[in-house]
Amino acid sequence: MKKMIHELMAAGHRVTCHDDGDGETANFVLAVVLDEPIDVWYIAHIVGADKYMAETVGNLLVFPELTINKEIFEFICAEDHDPV
């Protein structure tokens, strides 16, 4: 997943986390900020639209199947993203 996130960031997309939990327990999943509606097409191309389901939540494109663990969370939050 690091490679996918790095490719999204390299293309100028803002990657973040979305809490998809039940309200009592957090479940962070991959999300990408949508600045323009056309961003969905570009993000789907990078992620592989045929591999993962996605849904919009506000201005986010959320991938419920792509759970974020501690390592990936730290990678997303890091200011320095060396090539993977």
C-alpha atoms as a PDB file:
ATOM      1  CA  MET A   1       0.000   0.000   0.000  1.00  0.00           C
ATOM      2  CA  LYS A   2       2.973   2.336   0.562  1.00  0.00           C
ATOM      3  CA  LYS A   3       3.772   2.297  -3.140  1.00  0.00           C
ATOM      4  CA  MET A   4       0.169   3.199  -4.018  1.00  0.00           C
ATOM      5  CA  ILE A   5       0.141   6.043  -1.481  1.00  0.00           C
ATOM      6  CA  HIS A   6       3.484   7.307  -2.746  1.00  0.00           C
ATOM      7  CA  GLU A   7       2.175   7.293  -6.337  1.00  0.00           C
ATOM      8  CA  LEU A   8      -0.942   9.217  -5.280  1.00  0.00           C
ATOM      9  CA  MET A   9       1.187  11.804  -3.462  1.00  0.00           C
ATOM     10  CA  ALA A  10       3.640  12.060  -6.351  1.00  0.00           C
ATOM     11  CA  ALA A  11       0.684  12.857  -8.630  1.00  0.00           C
ATOM     12  CA  GLY A  12      -0.301  15.715  -6.309  1.00  0.00           C
ATOM     13  CA  HIS A  13      -3.219  14.057  -4.496  1.00  0.00           C
ATOM     14  CA  ARG A  14      -3.729  14.662  -0.771  1.00  0.00           C
ATOM     15  CA  VAL A  15      -3.864  11.282   0.954  1.00  0.00           C
ATOM     16  CA  THR A  16      -5.484  11.003   4.361  1.00  0.00           C
ATOM     17  CA  CYS A  17      -7.291   8.577   6.667  1.00  0.00           C
ATOM     18  CA  HIS A  18     -11.022   8.219   7.232  1.00  0.00           C
ATOM     19  CA  ASP A  19     -12.553   6.651  10.354  1.00  0.00           C
ATOM     20  CA  ASP A  20     -14.911   3.997   9.020  1.00  0.00           C
ATOM     21  CA  GLY A  21     -15.544   2.566  12.505  1.00  0.00           C
ATOM     22  CA  ASP A  22     -18.805   1.891  14.277  1.00  0.00           C
ATOM     23  CA  GLY A  23     -18.568   4.905  16.585  1.00  0.00           C
ATOM     24  CA  GLU A  24     -17.060   2.986  19.498  1.00  0.00           C
ATOM     25  CA  THR A  25     -14.017   1.583  17.744  1.00  0.00           C
ATOM     26  CA  ALA A  26     -11.890   3.457  15.213  1.00  0.00           C
ATOM     27  CA  ASN A  27     -11.177   1.774  11.897  1.00  0.00           C
ATOM     28  CA  PHE A  28      -8.984   3.975   9.737  1.00  0.00           C
ATOM     29  CA  VAL A  29      -9.114   3.397   6.000  1.00  0.00           C
ATOM     30  CA  LEU A  30      -7.380   5.052   3.058  1.00  0.00           C
ATOM     31  CA  ALA A  31      -8.975   8.238   1.732  1.00  0.00           C
ATOM     32  CA  VAL A  32      -7.978  10.832  -0.843  1.00  0.00           C
ATOM     33  CA  VAL A  33      -9.174  14.439  -0.868  1.00  0.00           C
ATOM     34  CA  LEU A  34     -11.202  15.346  -3.951  1.00  0.00           C
ATOM     35  CA  ASP A  35     -10.460  18.882  -5.123  1.00  0.00           C
ATOM     36  CA  GLU A  36     -12.345  18.448  -8.406  1.00  0.00           C
ATOM     37  CA  PRO A  37     -14.799  15.737  -9.553  1.00  0.00           C
ATOM     38  CA  ILE A  38     -12.362  14.643 -12.294  1.00  0.00           C
ATOM     39  CA  ASP A  39      -9.915  13.639  -9.536  1.00  0.00           C
ATOM     40  CA  VAL A  40     -11.949  10.434  -9.089  1.00  0.00           C
ATOM     41  CA  TRP A  41     -10.818   9.242 -12.529  1.00  0.00           C
ATOM     42  CA  TYR A  42      -7.141  10.001 -11.898  1.00  0.00           C
ATOM     43  CA  ILE A  43      -7.181   8.431  -8.433  1.00  0.00           C
ATOM     44  CA  ALA A  44      -8.967   5.326  -9.754  1.00  0.00           C
ATOM     45  CA  HIS A  45      -6.313   4.995 -12.448  1.00  0.00           C
ATOM     46  CA  ILE A  46      -3.489   5.060  -9.879  1.00  0.00           C
ATOM     47  CA  VAL A  47      -5.203   2.802  -7.329  1.00  0.00           C
ATOM     48  CA  GLY A  48      -6.597   0.320  -9.842  1.00  0.00           C
ATOM     49  CA  ALA A  49     -10.356   0.788 -10.014  1.00  0.00           C
ATOM     50  CA  ASP A  50     -10.864  -2.881 -10.859  1.00  0.00           C
ATOM     51  CA  LYS A  51      -9.229  -3.975  -7.587  1.00  0.00           C
ATOM     52  CA  TYR A  52     -10.924  -1.908  -4.871  1.00  0.00           C
ATOM     53  CA  MET A  53     -14.332  -0.519  -4.038  1.00  0.00           C
ATOM     54  CA  ALA A  54     -14.536   3.213  -3.361  1.00  0.00           C
ATOM     55  CA  GLU A  55     -17.177   5.614  -2.110  1.00  0.00           C
ATOM     56  CA  THR A  56     -17.388   9.341  -1.654  1.00  0.00           C
ATOM     57  CA  VAL A  57     -17.829  10.794   1.814  1.00  0.00           C
ATOM     58  CA  GLY A  58     -18.048  14.574   1.589  1.00  0.00           C
ATOM     59  CA  ASN A  59     -14.985  15.650  -0.357  1.00  0.00           C
ATOM     60  CA  LEU A  60     -13.147  12.347   0.194  1.00  0.00           C
ATOM     61  CA  LEU A  61     -12.821   9.285  -1.972  1.00  0.00           C
ATOM     62  CA  VAL A  62     -12.749   6.493   0.625  1.00  0.00           C
ATOM     63  CA  PHE A  63     -11.472   2.940   0.161  1.00  0.00           C
ATOM     64  CA  PRO A  64     -13.187   0.818   2.874  1.00  0.00           C
ATOM     65  CA  GLU A  65     -11.136  -2.285   2.028  1.00  0.00           C
ATOM     66  CA  LEU A  66      -7.775  -0.560   2.556  1.00  0.00           C
ATOM     67  CA  THR A  67      -7.314  -0.492   6.325  1.00  0.00           C
ATOM     68  CA  ILE A  68      -4.596   1.817   7.623  1.00  0.00           C
ATOM     69  CA  ASN A  69      -2.252   0.344  10.229  1.00  0.00           C
ATOM     70  CA  LYS A  70       0.218   2.270  12.399  1.00  0.00           C
ATOM     71  CA  GLU A  71       3.069   2.024   9.879  1.00  0.00           C
ATOM     72  CA  ILE A  72       0.949   3.314   6.989  1.00  0.00           C
ATOM     73  CA  PHE A  73      -0.553   6.052   9.187  1.00  0.00           C
ATOM     74  CA  GLU A  74       2.948   7.270  10.064  1.00  0.00           C
ATOM     75  CA  PHE A  75       3.950   7.124   6.386  1.00  0.00           C
ATOM     76  CA  ILE A  76       0.946   9.256   5.387  1.00  0.00           C
ATOM     77  CA  CYS A  77       1.668  11.792   8.147  1.00  0.00           C
ATOM     78  CA  ALA A  78       5.415  12.024   7.445  1.00  0.00           C
ATOM     79  CA  GLU A  79       6.622  15.221   5.841  1.00  0.00           C
ATOM     80  CA  ASP A  80       9.392  13.426   3.957  1.00  0.00           C
ATOM     81  CA  HIS A  81       8.240  10.691   1.565  1.00  0.00           C
ATOM     82  CA  ASP A  82      11.260   8.920   0.144  1.00  0.00           C
ATOM     83  CA  PRO A  83      10.555   6.725  -2.894  1.00  0.00           C
ATOM     84  CA  VAL A  84       9.338   3.292  -1.906  1.00  0.00           C
END
